Each structure stands twice: as structure tokens, then as C-alpha cells.
């Protein structure tokens, strides 16, 4: 597989809290040049990117970032707003507390609610593997599948 083909499957990402608009523009220009799968940015930049670039590149954003402690209701509001502002992909962070409490049904339900809101657009589920046991990781794979998400990410 050539580098060019690999880049079509990579989200070009800038999520640091101090990211400036100039850095976001650079990220977007690189994503267009290298034809990456998307740009993945904080929700606060989605609308500005969409206004500047239109449909020249897919926009992905993260909700419940970085540790997933937001409620399902707040994640739902974030996702809907991001979609309205031009996002074509949503990355959600699972609630690690639910995982540690063995409440995998809640994790699955949250994924399903967000997938319903996202519809035909892409939903990726971020599972912070560095905090998880092997059995939790395996259970989360089932949650992601049963919840209907498109991808799982670490």
C-alpha cells in the first residue's frame, strides 16, 4: 500500500487546547493537499472550517473529549450542533466511569443514542485503552458493535 492510499484512511488531527485558527487552517490545507480521511478538530472550530472550506474536506469533531465524563444528553447536544455546523463525522469518548462500574449496558445505550442522531454520517467511538483491562476492552468491542457505531478508536 502506498503512502497516498494510507493517508486516505487517516484523520488529520489537532485537538490541543491551545490550537489557534492559523494552526487549524494549516491542518485543513494539509488535509486537502494529502487527501486525508478528514480533519479532526475541536467542536469550536467546526463551523468556521465549514464556512471557509465548504465541502472541500470532511470535518470530524470529538464530543465528550477528552475523558467522556459528559452526560449522554450533553454529548447528544454537542453532536447535533456539530452536525448542523458542518461536521460529517463524530468521534465520541465513552464514559470510562461506566466501564469501571461494569455498566456496559449504559455504554451501549449511549452509543446507540448517538448513532441514531448521527444517522448515515460516521460515528467513531474512542475507548481510552490505557485505562482499561483486557476484559473491559473486549466488552467495549461488543458495546461498539451492538450500539451500531462505525469504528472503534483507542
N, C-alpha and C. Protein backbone atom coordinates (compact mmCIF):
# COMPACT_ATOMS: atom_id res chain seq x y z
N UNK A 1 0.85 -1.17 0.00
CA UNK A 1 0.00 0.00 0.00
C UNK A 1 0.90 1.24 0.00
N UNK A 2 0.58 2.18 -0.84
CA UNK A 2 1.37 3.40 -0.94
C UNK A 2 0.91 4.43 0.10
N UNK A 3 1.82 5.33 0.44
CA UNK A 3 1.55 6.37 1.43
C UNK A 3 0.28 7.14 1.07
N UNK A 4 0.12 7.48 -0.19
CA UNK A 4 -1.05 8.24 -0.64
C UNK A 4 -2.35 7.51 -0.27
N UNK A 5 -2.37 6.22 -0.45
CA UNK A 5 -3.56 5.42 -0.13
C UNK A 5 -3.77 5.33 1.38
N UNK A 6 -2.70 5.23 2.12
CA UNK A 6 -2.79 5.17 3.59
C UNK A 6 -3.41 6.46 4.12
N UNK A 7 -2.97 7.60 3.58
CA UNK A 7 -3.47 8.89 4.07
C UNK A 7 -4.98 9.06 3.87
N UNK A 8 -5.54 8.39 2.89
CA UNK A 8 -7.00 8.44 2.68
C UNK A 8 -7.77 7.83 3.86
N UNK A 9 -7.07 7.10 4.71
CA UNK A 9 -7.69 6.42 5.86
C UNK A 9 -7.29 7.05 7.19
N UNK A 10 -6.60 8.18 7.16
CA UNK A 10 -6.08 8.81 8.37
C UNK A 10 -6.81 10.13 8.61
N UNK A 11 -7.26 10.33 9.86
CA UNK A 11 -7.81 11.62 10.26
C UNK A 11 -6.64 12.54 10.60
N UNK A 12 -6.57 13.67 9.94
CA UNK A 12 -5.53 14.66 10.25
C UNK A 12 -6.06 15.46 11.44
N UNK A 13 -5.41 15.34 12.58
CA UNK A 13 -6.00 15.76 13.85
C UNK A 13 -5.20 16.83 14.56
N UNK A 14 -5.95 17.80 15.13
CA UNK A 14 -5.36 18.80 16.00
C UNK A 14 -6.38 19.10 17.09
N UNK A 15 -6.15 18.54 18.28
CA UNK A 15 -7.10 18.68 19.38
C UNK A 15 -6.50 19.36 20.61
N UNK A 16 -5.31 19.89 20.50
CA UNK A 16 -4.72 20.52 21.67
C UNK A 16 -5.53 21.76 22.06
N UNK A 17 -5.62 21.98 23.34
CA UNK A 17 -6.45 23.07 23.87
C UNK A 17 -6.00 24.45 23.40
N UNK A 18 -4.75 24.59 23.04
CA UNK A 18 -4.24 25.91 22.65
C UNK A 18 -4.12 26.07 21.13
N UNK A 19 -4.80 25.21 20.38
CA UNK A 19 -4.75 25.30 18.91
C UNK A 19 -5.31 26.64 18.44
N UNK A 20 -4.57 27.32 17.60
CA UNK A 20 -5.01 28.61 17.07
C UNK A 20 -5.70 28.41 15.72
N UNK A 21 -6.42 29.42 15.29
CA UNK A 21 -7.09 29.38 13.99
C UNK A 21 -6.05 29.21 12.87
N UNK A 22 -4.91 29.87 12.98
CA UNK A 22 -3.86 29.70 11.96
C UNK A 22 -3.40 28.24 11.88
N UNK A 23 -3.27 27.59 13.03
CA UNK A 23 -2.87 26.17 13.03
C UNK A 23 -3.96 25.30 12.42
N UNK A 24 -5.20 25.65 12.68
CA UNK A 24 -6.33 24.89 12.11
C UNK A 24 -6.35 25.06 10.59
N UNK A 25 -6.11 26.27 10.11
CA UNK A 25 -6.05 26.50 8.66
C UNK A 25 -4.93 25.65 8.05
N UNK A 26 -3.78 25.63 8.69
CA UNK A 26 -2.66 24.82 8.19
C UNK A 26 -3.07 23.35 8.13
N UNK A 27 -3.72 22.88 9.18
CA UNK A 27 -4.20 21.50 9.23
C UNK A 27 -5.13 21.21 8.06
N UNK A 28 -6.08 22.09 7.83
CA UNK A 28 -7.05 21.89 6.74
C UNK A 28 -6.37 21.90 5.38
N UNK A 29 -5.46 22.83 5.18
CA UNK A 29 -4.74 22.88 3.90
C UNK A 29 -3.93 21.61 3.66
N UNK A 30 -3.30 21.11 4.70
CA UNK A 30 -2.56 19.85 4.58
C UNK A 30 -3.50 18.69 4.27
N UNK A 31 -4.67 18.68 4.93
CA UNK A 31 -5.64 17.61 4.70
C UNK A 31 -6.11 17.60 3.25
N UNK A 32 -6.33 18.78 2.70
CA UNK A 32 -6.73 18.87 1.29
C UNK A 32 -5.59 18.42 0.39
N UNK A 33 -4.40 18.90 0.67
CA UNK A 33 -3.23 18.54 -0.16
C UNK A 33 -2.97 17.04 -0.16
N UNK A 34 -3.04 16.42 1.02
CA UNK A 34 -2.70 15.00 1.13
C UNK A 34 -3.92 14.08 1.06
N UNK A 35 -5.11 14.70 0.92
CA UNK A 35 -6.37 13.95 0.78
C UNK A 35 -6.57 12.97 1.93
N UNK A 36 -6.46 13.49 3.16
CA UNK A 36 -6.67 12.65 4.34
C UNK A 36 -8.17 12.33 4.47
N UNK A 37 -8.47 11.37 5.32
CA UNK A 37 -9.87 10.96 5.50
C UNK A 37 -10.72 12.11 6.02
N UNK A 38 -10.16 12.92 6.90
CA UNK A 38 -10.87 14.08 7.46
C UNK A 38 -9.87 14.95 8.20
N UNK A 39 -10.37 16.10 8.68
CA UNK A 39 -9.68 16.84 9.71
C UNK A 39 -10.47 16.59 10.98
N UNK A 40 -9.79 16.35 12.06
CA UNK A 40 -10.45 16.13 13.35
C UNK A 40 -10.05 17.27 14.26
N UNK A 41 -11.05 18.05 14.66
CA UNK A 41 -10.81 19.32 15.35
C UNK A 41 -11.78 19.49 16.52
N UNK A 42 -11.47 20.42 17.42
CA UNK A 42 -12.42 20.73 18.49
C UNK A 42 -13.74 21.26 17.89
N UNK A 43 -14.82 21.03 18.60
CA UNK A 43 -16.14 21.45 18.11
C UNK A 43 -16.20 22.95 17.84
N UNK A 44 -15.44 23.73 18.58
CA UNK A 44 -15.49 25.18 18.42
C UNK A 44 -15.00 25.65 17.06
N UNK A 45 -14.30 24.81 16.32
CA UNK A 45 -13.79 25.19 15.01
C UNK A 45 -14.62 24.65 13.84
N UNK A 46 -15.56 23.78 14.09
CA UNK A 46 -16.31 23.12 13.01
C UNK A 46 -16.97 24.13 12.07
N UNK A 47 -17.74 25.05 12.63
CA UNK A 47 -18.48 25.99 11.80
C UNK A 47 -17.54 26.87 10.97
N UNK A 48 -16.48 27.36 11.58
CA UNK A 48 -15.52 28.22 10.86
C UNK A 48 -14.86 27.46 9.71
N UNK A 49 -14.52 26.21 9.94
CA UNK A 49 -13.91 25.41 8.88
C UNK A 49 -14.91 25.20 7.75
N UNK A 50 -16.13 24.85 8.12
CA UNK A 50 -17.15 24.62 7.10
C UNK A 50 -17.41 25.89 6.28
N UNK A 51 -17.44 27.04 6.94
CA UNK A 51 -17.65 28.30 6.22
C UNK A 51 -16.48 28.60 5.27
N UNK A 52 -15.27 28.30 5.69
CA UNK A 52 -14.09 28.60 4.88
C UNK A 52 -13.89 27.60 3.75
N UNK A 53 -14.12 26.32 4.02
CA UNK A 53 -13.76 25.28 3.06
C UNK A 53 -14.96 24.59 2.42
N UNK A 54 -16.14 24.80 2.95
CA UNK A 54 -17.32 24.14 2.38
C UNK A 54 -17.16 22.64 2.41
N UNK A 55 -17.36 22.02 1.27
CA UNK A 55 -17.29 20.56 1.18
C UNK A 55 -15.95 20.07 0.63
N UNK A 56 -14.91 20.89 0.73
CA UNK A 56 -13.60 20.50 0.21
C UNK A 56 -12.93 19.43 1.05
N UNK A 57 -13.39 19.27 2.30
CA UNK A 57 -12.80 18.24 3.15
C UNK A 57 -13.82 17.81 4.20
N UNK A 58 -13.81 16.53 4.56
CA UNK A 58 -14.68 16.07 5.64
C UNK A 58 -14.20 16.60 6.99
N UNK A 59 -15.15 17.05 7.79
CA UNK A 59 -14.82 17.59 9.11
C UNK A 59 -15.30 16.61 10.18
N UNK A 60 -14.38 16.23 11.03
CA UNK A 60 -14.68 15.36 12.16
C UNK A 60 -14.45 16.17 13.44
N UNK A 61 -15.26 15.91 14.44
CA UNK A 61 -15.04 16.55 15.73
C UNK A 61 -15.25 15.54 16.85
N UNK A 62 -14.78 15.89 18.02
CA UNK A 62 -14.88 14.99 19.17
C UNK A 62 -15.88 15.54 20.18
N UNK A 63 -16.65 14.64 20.75
CA UNK A 63 -17.58 15.02 21.81
C UNK A 63 -17.29 14.20 23.05
N UNK A 64 -17.53 14.82 24.18
CA UNK A 64 -17.18 14.16 25.44
C UNK A 64 -15.68 14.04 25.61
N UNK A 65 -14.96 14.89 24.94
CA UNK A 65 -13.50 14.82 24.93
C UNK A 65 -12.92 15.64 26.08
N UNK A 66 -11.92 15.18 26.78
CA UNK A 66 -11.09 14.03 26.46
C UNK A 66 -11.44 12.74 27.20
N UNK A 67 -12.19 12.80 28.29
CA UNK A 67 -12.36 11.60 29.11
C UNK A 67 -13.78 11.05 29.18
N UNK A 68 -14.70 11.60 28.41
CA UNK A 68 -16.02 11.00 28.28
C UNK A 68 -16.97 11.20 29.44
N UNK A 69 -16.64 12.06 30.38
CA UNK A 69 -17.47 12.19 31.57
C UNK A 69 -18.74 13.00 31.36
N UNK A 70 -18.93 13.57 30.19
CA UNK A 70 -20.16 14.30 29.91
C UNK A 70 -21.34 13.33 29.94
N UNK A 71 -22.51 13.86 30.22
CA UNK A 71 -23.71 13.03 30.19
C UNK A 71 -24.07 12.71 28.74
N UNK A 72 -24.89 11.69 28.58
CA UNK A 72 -25.36 11.34 27.24
C UNK A 72 -26.12 12.52 26.64
N UNK A 73 -26.94 13.19 27.44
CA UNK A 73 -27.71 14.32 26.93
C UNK A 73 -26.80 15.43 26.42
N UNK A 74 -25.72 15.72 27.13
CA UNK A 74 -24.83 16.78 26.66
C UNK A 74 -24.04 16.34 25.43
N UNK A 75 -23.66 15.08 25.36
CA UNK A 75 -22.99 14.57 24.16
C UNK A 75 -23.92 14.66 22.96
N UNK A 76 -25.19 14.38 23.18
CA UNK A 76 -26.18 14.45 22.11
C UNK A 76 -26.31 15.89 21.60
N UNK A 77 -26.37 16.85 22.49
CA UNK A 77 -26.44 18.26 22.09
C UNK A 77 -25.19 18.64 21.31
N UNK A 78 -24.02 18.24 21.80
CA UNK A 78 -22.76 18.54 21.11
C UNK A 78 -22.76 17.95 19.70
N UNK A 79 -23.19 16.70 19.59
CA UNK A 79 -23.19 16.02 18.29
C UNK A 79 -24.13 16.70 17.31
N UNK A 80 -25.34 16.99 17.76
CA UNK A 80 -26.32 17.63 16.87
C UNK A 80 -25.83 19.00 16.41
N UNK A 81 -25.28 19.78 17.33
CA UNK A 81 -24.77 21.10 16.96
C UNK A 81 -23.64 20.96 15.95
N UNK A 82 -22.72 20.05 16.19
CA UNK A 82 -21.59 19.86 15.28
C UNK A 82 -22.07 19.47 13.88
N UNK A 83 -23.06 18.61 13.81
CA UNK A 83 -23.61 18.21 12.51
C UNK A 83 -24.26 19.40 11.81
N UNK A 84 -25.01 20.19 12.55
CA UNK A 84 -25.66 21.38 11.99
C UNK A 84 -24.63 22.38 11.48
N UNK A 85 -23.48 22.43 12.12
CA UNK A 85 -22.43 23.39 11.75
C UNK A 85 -21.49 22.88 10.67
N UNK A 86 -21.70 21.64 10.22
CA UNK A 86 -20.91 21.15 9.09
C UNK A 86 -20.08 19.92 9.31
N UNK A 87 -20.10 19.35 10.50
CA UNK A 87 -19.33 18.11 10.73
C UNK A 87 -19.95 16.96 9.93
N UNK A 88 -19.10 16.11 9.41
CA UNK A 88 -19.58 14.93 8.70
C UNK A 88 -19.23 13.65 9.46
N UNK A 89 -18.44 13.79 10.51
CA UNK A 89 -18.07 12.66 11.35
C UNK A 89 -18.04 13.11 12.81
N UNK A 90 -18.45 12.20 13.68
CA UNK A 90 -18.43 12.46 15.11
C UNK A 90 -17.60 11.37 15.79
N UNK A 91 -16.64 11.79 16.60
CA UNK A 91 -15.89 10.88 17.45
C UNK A 91 -16.39 11.12 18.88
N UNK A 92 -16.88 10.09 19.52
CA UNK A 92 -17.35 10.23 20.90
C UNK A 92 -16.44 9.46 21.83
N UNK A 93 -16.26 9.99 23.03
CA UNK A 93 -15.47 9.30 24.04
C UNK A 93 -16.45 8.61 24.99
N UNK A 94 -16.22 7.33 25.21
CA UNK A 94 -17.08 6.58 26.14
C UNK A 94 -16.88 7.10 27.56
N UNK A 95 -17.87 6.87 28.38
CA UNK A 95 -17.78 7.24 29.78
C UNK A 95 -16.99 6.13 30.50
N UNK A 96 -15.76 6.42 30.82
CA UNK A 96 -14.88 5.43 31.43
C UNK A 96 -15.41 5.00 32.80
N UNK A 97 -16.07 5.92 33.51
CA UNK A 97 -16.68 5.57 34.79
C UNK A 97 -17.70 4.47 34.64
N UNK A 98 -18.52 4.54 33.57
CA UNK A 98 -19.49 3.47 33.32
C UNK A 98 -18.79 2.13 33.10
N UNK A 99 -17.67 2.18 32.39
CA UNK A 99 -16.90 0.95 32.15
C UNK A 99 -16.38 0.40 33.47
N UNK A 100 -15.77 1.26 34.27
CA UNK A 100 -15.20 0.81 35.54
C UNK A 100 -16.27 0.33 36.52
N UNK A 101 -17.51 0.78 36.33
CA UNK A 101 -18.62 0.30 37.16
C UNK A 101 -19.33 -0.90 36.53
N UNK A 102 -18.73 -1.45 35.48
CA UNK A 102 -19.31 -2.59 34.75
C UNK A 102 -20.72 -2.31 34.25
N UNK A 103 -20.98 -1.07 33.87
CA UNK A 103 -22.28 -0.70 33.33
C UNK A 103 -22.21 -0.61 31.80
N UNK A 104 -21.88 -1.74 31.20
CA UNK A 104 -21.69 -1.79 29.76
C UNK A 104 -22.99 -1.57 29.01
N UNK A 105 -24.12 -1.87 29.64
CA UNK A 105 -25.41 -1.59 29.01
C UNK A 105 -25.59 -0.09 28.80
N UNK A 106 -25.12 0.72 29.75
CA UNK A 106 -25.19 2.18 29.62
C UNK A 106 -24.29 2.66 28.48
N UNK A 107 -23.12 2.06 28.36
CA UNK A 107 -22.19 2.43 27.29
C UNK A 107 -22.83 2.12 25.93
N UNK A 108 -23.39 0.93 25.81
CA UNK A 108 -24.05 0.53 24.56
C UNK A 108 -25.21 1.46 24.24
N UNK A 109 -26.00 1.77 25.24
CA UNK A 109 -27.17 2.65 25.04
C UNK A 109 -26.73 4.04 24.58
N UNK A 110 -25.67 4.57 25.18
CA UNK A 110 -25.19 5.88 24.79
C UNK A 110 -24.71 5.87 23.34
N UNK A 111 -23.98 4.85 22.96
CA UNK A 111 -23.51 4.72 21.57
C UNK A 111 -24.71 4.68 20.62
N UNK A 112 -25.72 3.90 20.98
CA UNK A 112 -26.90 3.77 20.12
C UNK A 112 -27.64 5.10 19.97
N UNK A 113 -27.76 5.85 21.06
CA UNK A 113 -28.43 7.16 21.00
C UNK A 113 -27.67 8.10 20.07
N UNK A 114 -26.36 8.09 20.18
CA UNK A 114 -25.56 8.98 19.35
C UNK A 114 -25.55 8.53 17.89
N UNK A 115 -25.54 7.23 17.65
CA UNK A 115 -25.59 6.75 16.27
C UNK A 115 -26.92 7.13 15.63
N UNK A 116 -27.99 7.05 16.39
CA UNK A 116 -29.30 7.44 15.86
C UNK A 116 -29.27 8.92 15.46
N UNK A 117 -28.66 9.76 16.28
CA UNK A 117 -28.58 11.19 15.99
C UNK A 117 -27.68 11.46 14.77
N UNK A 118 -26.61 10.72 14.66
CA UNK A 118 -25.66 10.91 13.57
C UNK A 118 -26.22 10.36 12.26
N UNK A 119 -27.04 9.34 12.35
CA UNK A 119 -27.66 8.77 11.15
C UNK A 119 -26.64 8.14 10.22
N UNK A 120 -26.68 8.54 8.97
CA UNK A 120 -25.79 7.93 7.97
C UNK A 120 -24.37 8.49 8.03
N UNK A 121 -24.15 9.50 8.84
CA UNK A 121 -22.79 10.04 9.00
C UNK A 121 -21.98 9.09 9.90
N UNK A 122 -20.70 9.26 9.91
CA UNK A 122 -19.81 8.34 10.62
C UNK A 122 -19.76 8.65 12.11
N UNK A 123 -19.89 7.60 12.92
CA UNK A 123 -19.70 7.69 14.36
C UNK A 123 -18.55 6.77 14.75
N UNK A 124 -17.52 7.36 15.34
CA UNK A 124 -16.39 6.60 15.85
C UNK A 124 -16.41 6.70 17.37
N UNK A 125 -16.06 5.60 18.02
CA UNK A 125 -16.10 5.54 19.48
C UNK A 125 -14.68 5.42 20.00
N UNK A 126 -14.31 6.40 20.81
CA UNK A 126 -12.97 6.43 21.41
C UNK A 126 -13.03 5.72 22.76
N UNK A 127 -12.23 4.68 22.88
CA UNK A 127 -12.13 3.94 24.14
C UNK A 127 -10.70 4.09 24.62
N UNK A 128 -10.51 4.84 25.63
CA UNK A 128 -9.17 5.15 26.13
C UNK A 128 -8.54 3.89 26.72
N UNK A 129 -7.91 3.10 25.85
CA UNK A 129 -7.42 1.78 26.23
C UNK A 129 -6.38 1.80 27.35
N UNK A 130 -5.69 2.91 27.51
CA UNK A 130 -4.67 2.96 28.56
C UNK A 130 -5.27 2.83 29.96
N UNK A 131 -6.58 3.07 30.09
CA UNK A 131 -7.25 2.98 31.39
C UNK A 131 -7.99 1.66 31.58
N UNK A 132 -7.93 0.77 30.60
CA UNK A 132 -8.81 -0.40 30.59
C UNK A 132 -8.06 -1.72 30.76
N UNK A 133 -8.76 -2.68 31.32
CA UNK A 133 -8.24 -4.04 31.39
C UNK A 133 -8.54 -4.73 30.06
N UNK A 134 -7.93 -5.89 29.87
CA UNK A 134 -8.19 -6.65 28.64
C UNK A 134 -9.66 -7.05 28.53
N UNK A 135 -10.26 -7.45 29.64
CA UNK A 135 -11.68 -7.85 29.58
C UNK A 135 -12.59 -6.65 29.30
N UNK A 136 -12.24 -5.47 29.82
CA UNK A 136 -13.02 -4.27 29.51
C UNK A 136 -12.91 -3.92 28.03
N UNK A 137 -11.72 -4.05 27.47
CA UNK A 137 -11.54 -3.78 26.04
C UNK A 137 -12.39 -4.71 25.20
N UNK A 138 -12.40 -5.98 25.56
CA UNK A 138 -13.21 -6.95 24.83
C UNK A 138 -14.70 -6.62 24.94
N UNK A 139 -15.13 -6.28 26.13
CA UNK A 139 -16.55 -5.93 26.33
C UNK A 139 -16.91 -4.67 25.54
N UNK A 140 -16.01 -3.71 25.47
CA UNK A 140 -16.29 -2.49 24.72
C UNK A 140 -16.40 -2.74 23.22
N UNK A 141 -15.67 -3.71 22.71
CA UNK A 141 -15.83 -4.07 21.30
C UNK A 141 -17.27 -4.51 21.04
N UNK A 142 -17.81 -5.26 21.97
CA UNK A 142 -19.21 -5.69 21.86
C UNK A 142 -20.15 -4.49 21.95
N UNK A 143 -19.89 -3.58 22.87
CA UNK A 143 -20.72 -2.37 23.02
C UNK A 143 -20.74 -1.56 21.73
N UNK A 144 -19.59 -1.37 21.14
CA UNK A 144 -19.49 -0.58 19.91
C UNK A 144 -20.27 -1.25 18.78
N UNK A 145 -20.13 -2.55 18.67
CA UNK A 145 -20.87 -3.28 17.65
C UNK A 145 -22.37 -3.23 17.90
N UNK A 146 -22.77 -3.55 19.11
CA UNK A 146 -24.21 -3.57 19.45
C UNK A 146 -24.82 -2.17 19.39
N UNK A 147 -24.04 -1.14 19.67
CA UNK A 147 -24.54 0.23 19.62
C UNK A 147 -24.66 0.78 18.21
N UNK A 148 -24.05 0.09 17.23
CA UNK A 148 -24.18 0.47 15.84
C UNK A 148 -23.17 1.48 15.33
N UNK A 149 -22.10 1.72 16.10
CA UNK A 149 -21.08 2.68 15.66
C UNK A 149 -20.33 2.12 14.45
N UNK A 150 -19.68 3.03 13.74
CA UNK A 150 -18.96 2.64 12.52
C UNK A 150 -17.53 2.19 12.79
N UNK A 151 -16.90 2.77 13.81
CA UNK A 151 -15.50 2.46 14.12
C UNK A 151 -15.27 2.51 15.61
N UNK A 152 -14.21 1.83 16.03
CA UNK A 152 -13.71 1.94 17.40
C UNK A 152 -12.29 2.50 17.30
N UNK A 153 -11.93 3.39 18.22
CA UNK A 153 -10.60 4.01 18.24
C UNK A 153 -10.03 3.91 19.64
N UNK A 154 -8.71 3.94 19.72
CA UNK A 154 -8.08 3.96 21.04
C UNK A 154 -7.79 5.38 21.44
